[in-house]
Amino acid sequence: EQIELWSNYALRRILRLGFAINIEKEKAYTRDFYPCYQVFSKYYPEREPDMRRVLHLALNLPTTKEEVLPLLRDFGGWLVLESERVFAGRPPSKS
């Protein structure tokens, strides 16, 4: 139960952060999961599979930490760095 609650919170935050880093480009707002996924995927097509996995897990909550931790570490870590870059107004990195 703790894993489901914690995962639910973390996955929702990732989906919404993926939308938030593109909110100025979209000139729109949503808290709904699927539109968050769609907008993120529009601007970061190379990371779409990661966000699709986040969406899937947000809708089908994992019951073990092994189901979610690698995704949170890898994609979640990248998304945090990207959001810091976007909100600081820096240009995209070449890597």
C-alpha atoms as a PDB file:
ATOM      1  CA  GLU A   1       0.000   0.000   0.000  1.00  0.00           C
ATOM      2  CA  GLN A   2       2.861   2.393   0.826  1.00  0.00           C
ATOM      3  CA  ILE A   3       4.489   1.675  -2.535  1.00  0.00           C
ATOM      4  CA  GLU A   4       1.241   2.400  -4.369  1.00  0.00           C
ATOM      5  CA  LEU A   5       0.718   5.686  -2.516  1.00  0.00           C
ATOM      6  CA  TRP A   6       4.306   6.848  -2.984  1.00  0.00           C
ATOM      7  CA  SER A   7       4.390   5.773  -6.646  1.00  0.00           C
ATOM      8  CA  ASN A   8       1.066   7.441  -7.335  1.00  0.00           C
ATOM      9  CA  TYR A   9       2.379  10.751  -6.007  1.00  0.00           C
ATOM     10  CA  ALA A  10       5.726  10.549  -7.830  1.00  0.00           C
ATOM     11  CA  LEU A  11       4.225   9.492 -11.163  1.00  0.00           C
ATOM     12  CA  ARG A  12       1.624  12.264 -11.061  1.00  0.00           C
ATOM     13  CA  ARG A  13       4.353  14.815 -10.365  1.00  0.00           C
ATOM     14  CA  ILE A  14       6.391  13.574 -13.324  1.00  0.00           C
ATOM     15  CA  LEU A  15       3.432  13.785 -15.711  1.00  0.00           C
ATOM     16  CA  ARG A  16       2.562  17.280 -14.587  1.00  0.00           C
ATOM     17  CA  LEU A  17       6.172  18.466 -14.657  1.00  0.00           C
ATOM     18  CA  GLY A  18       6.430  17.164 -18.225  1.00  0.00           C
ATOM     19  CA  PHE A  19       3.510  19.410 -19.088  1.00  0.00           C
ATOM     20  CA  ALA A  20       4.734  22.364 -17.015  1.00  0.00           C
ATOM     21  CA  ILE A  21       8.028  22.661 -18.886  1.00  0.00           C
ATOM     22  CA  ASN A  22       6.017  23.214 -22.064  1.00  0.00           C
ATOM     23  CA  ILE A  23       3.178  25.309 -20.679  1.00  0.00           C
ATOM     24  CA  GLU A  24       4.394  28.579 -22.204  1.00  0.00           C
ATOM     25  CA  LYS A  25       4.666  27.015 -25.650  1.00  0.00           C
ATOM     26  CA  GLU A  26       1.180  25.517 -25.394  1.00  0.00           C
ATOM     27  CA  LYS A  27      -0.500  28.532 -23.813  1.00  0.00           C
ATOM     28  CA  ALA A  28      -2.844  26.099 -22.078  1.00  0.00           C
ATOM     29  CA  TYR A  29      -3.288  24.372 -18.744  1.00  0.00           C
ATOM     30  CA  THR A  30      -4.369  20.921 -17.708  1.00  0.00           C
ATOM     31  CA  ARG A  31      -3.958  18.579 -14.785  1.00  0.00           C
ATOM     32  CA  ASP A  32      -5.268  15.588 -16.713  1.00  0.00           C
ATOM     33  CA  PHE A  33      -2.739  12.846 -17.286  1.00  0.00           C
ATOM     34  CA  TYR A  34      -3.250  12.096 -20.961  1.00  0.00           C
ATOM     35  CA  PRO A  35      -2.998  15.720 -22.173  1.00  0.00           C
ATOM     36  CA  CYS A  36       0.134  16.112 -20.021  1.00  0.00           C
ATOM     37  CA  TYR A  37       1.619  13.073 -21.771  1.00  0.00           C
ATOM     38  CA  GLN A  38       0.587  14.338 -25.226  1.00  0.00           C
ATOM     39  CA  VAL A  39       2.081  17.806 -24.783  1.00  0.00           C
ATOM     40  CA  PHE A  40       5.334  16.463 -23.378  1.00  0.00           C
ATOM     41  CA  SER A  41       5.616  13.958 -26.240  1.00  0.00           C
ATOM     42  CA  LYS A  42       5.024  16.692 -28.802  1.00  0.00           C
ATOM     43  CA  TYR A  43       8.103  18.630 -27.654  1.00  0.00           C
ATOM     44  CA  TYR A  44      10.265  15.681 -26.564  1.00  0.00           C
ATOM     45  CA  PRO A  45       9.480  12.881 -29.030  1.00  0.00           C
ATOM     46  CA  GLU A  46      12.734  11.104 -28.200  1.00  0.00           C
ATOM     47  CA  ARG A  47      11.551  10.736 -24.574  1.00  0.00           C
ATOM     48  CA  GLU A  48       7.973   9.772 -25.454  1.00  0.00           C
ATOM     49  CA  PRO A  49       8.456   6.066 -24.563  1.00  0.00           C
ATOM     50  CA  ASP A  50       9.561   7.066 -21.061  1.00  0.00           C
ATOM     51  CA  MET A  51       6.569   9.326 -20.514  1.00  0.00           C
ATOM     52  CA  ARG A  52       4.243   6.683 -21.963  1.00  0.00           C
ATOM     53  CA  ARG A  53       5.588   4.266 -19.340  1.00  0.00           C
ATOM     54  CA  VAL A  54       5.000   6.881 -16.620  1.00  0.00           C
ATOM     55  CA  LEU A  55       1.426   7.339 -17.859  1.00  0.00           C
ATOM     56  CA  HIS A  56       0.843   3.588 -17.879  1.00  0.00           C
ATOM     57  CA  LEU A  57       2.169   3.199 -14.335  1.00  0.00           C
ATOM     58  CA  ALA A  58       0.168   6.198 -13.102  1.00  0.00           C
ATOM     59  CA  LEU A  59      -2.999   4.537 -14.370  1.00  0.00           C
ATOM     60  CA  ASN A  60      -1.977   1.010 -13.274  1.00  0.00           C
ATOM     61  CA  LEU A  61      -0.181   1.582 -10.003  1.00  0.00           C
ATOM     62  CA  PRO A  62       2.870  -0.580  -9.409  1.00  0.00           C
ATOM     63  CA  THR A  63       2.866  -2.849  -6.392  1.00  0.00           C
ATOM     64  CA  THR A  64       6.623  -3.304  -6.102  1.00  0.00           C
ATOM     65  CA  LYS A  65       9.341  -0.715  -6.026  1.00  0.00           C
ATOM     66  CA  GLU A  66      11.255  -2.634  -8.691  1.00  0.00           C
ATOM     67  CA  GLU A  67       8.504  -1.752 -11.161  1.00  0.00           C
ATOM     68  CA  VAL A  68       8.971   1.982 -10.723  1.00  0.00           C
ATOM     69  CA  LEU A  69      12.377   2.863  -9.232  1.00  0.00           C
ATOM     70  CA  PRO A  70      14.514   2.466 -12.388  1.00  0.00           C
ATOM     71  CA  LEU A  71      12.141   4.718 -14.338  1.00  0.00           C
ATOM     72  CA  LEU A  72      12.050   7.310 -11.571  1.00  0.00           C
ATOM     73  CA  ARG A  73      15.835   7.334 -11.288  1.00  0.00           C
ATOM     74  CA  ASP A  74      16.603   7.525 -14.998  1.00  0.00           C
ATOM     75  CA  PHE A  75      13.754   9.433 -16.596  1.00  0.00           C
ATOM     76  CA  GLY A  76      12.746  11.286 -13.442  1.00  0.00           C
ATOM     77  CA  GLY A  77      16.324  12.440 -12.926  1.00  0.00           C
ATOM     78  CA  TRP A  78      16.584  13.606 -16.523  1.00  0.00           C
ATOM     79  CA  LEU A  79      13.254  15.448 -16.267  1.00  0.00           C
ATOM     80  CA  VAL A  80      14.347  17.302 -13.140  1.00  0.00           C
ATOM     81  CA  LEU A  81      17.527  18.475 -14.888  1.00  0.00           C
ATOM     82  CA  GLU A  82      15.552  19.465 -17.994  1.00  0.00           C
ATOM     83  CA  SER A  83      13.034  21.415 -15.928  1.00  0.00           C
ATOM     84  CA  GLU A  84      15.842  23.280 -14.189  1.00  0.00           C
ATOM     85  CA  ARG A  85      17.290  24.144 -17.586  1.00  0.00           C
ATOM     86  CA  VAL A  86      13.926  25.267 -18.996  1.00  0.00           C
ATOM     87  CA  PHE A  87      12.947  27.348 -15.992  1.00  0.00           C
ATOM     88  CA  ALA A  88      16.386  28.969 -15.906  1.00  0.00           C
ATOM     89  CA  GLY A  89      15.941  29.949 -19.557  1.00  0.00           C
ATOM     90  CA  ARG A  90      18.999  28.090 -20.827  1.00  0.00           C
ATOM     91  CA  PRO A  91      19.152  26.677 -24.362  1.00  0.00           C
ATOM     92  CA  PRO A  92      18.862  22.902 -24.841  1.00  0.00           C
ATOM     93  CA  SER A  93      22.024  20.884 -24.406  1.00  0.00           C
ATOM     94  CA  LYS A  94      23.413  19.071 -27.436  1.00  0.00           C
ATOM     95  CA  SER A  95      23.612  15.714 -25.633  1.00  0.00           C
END
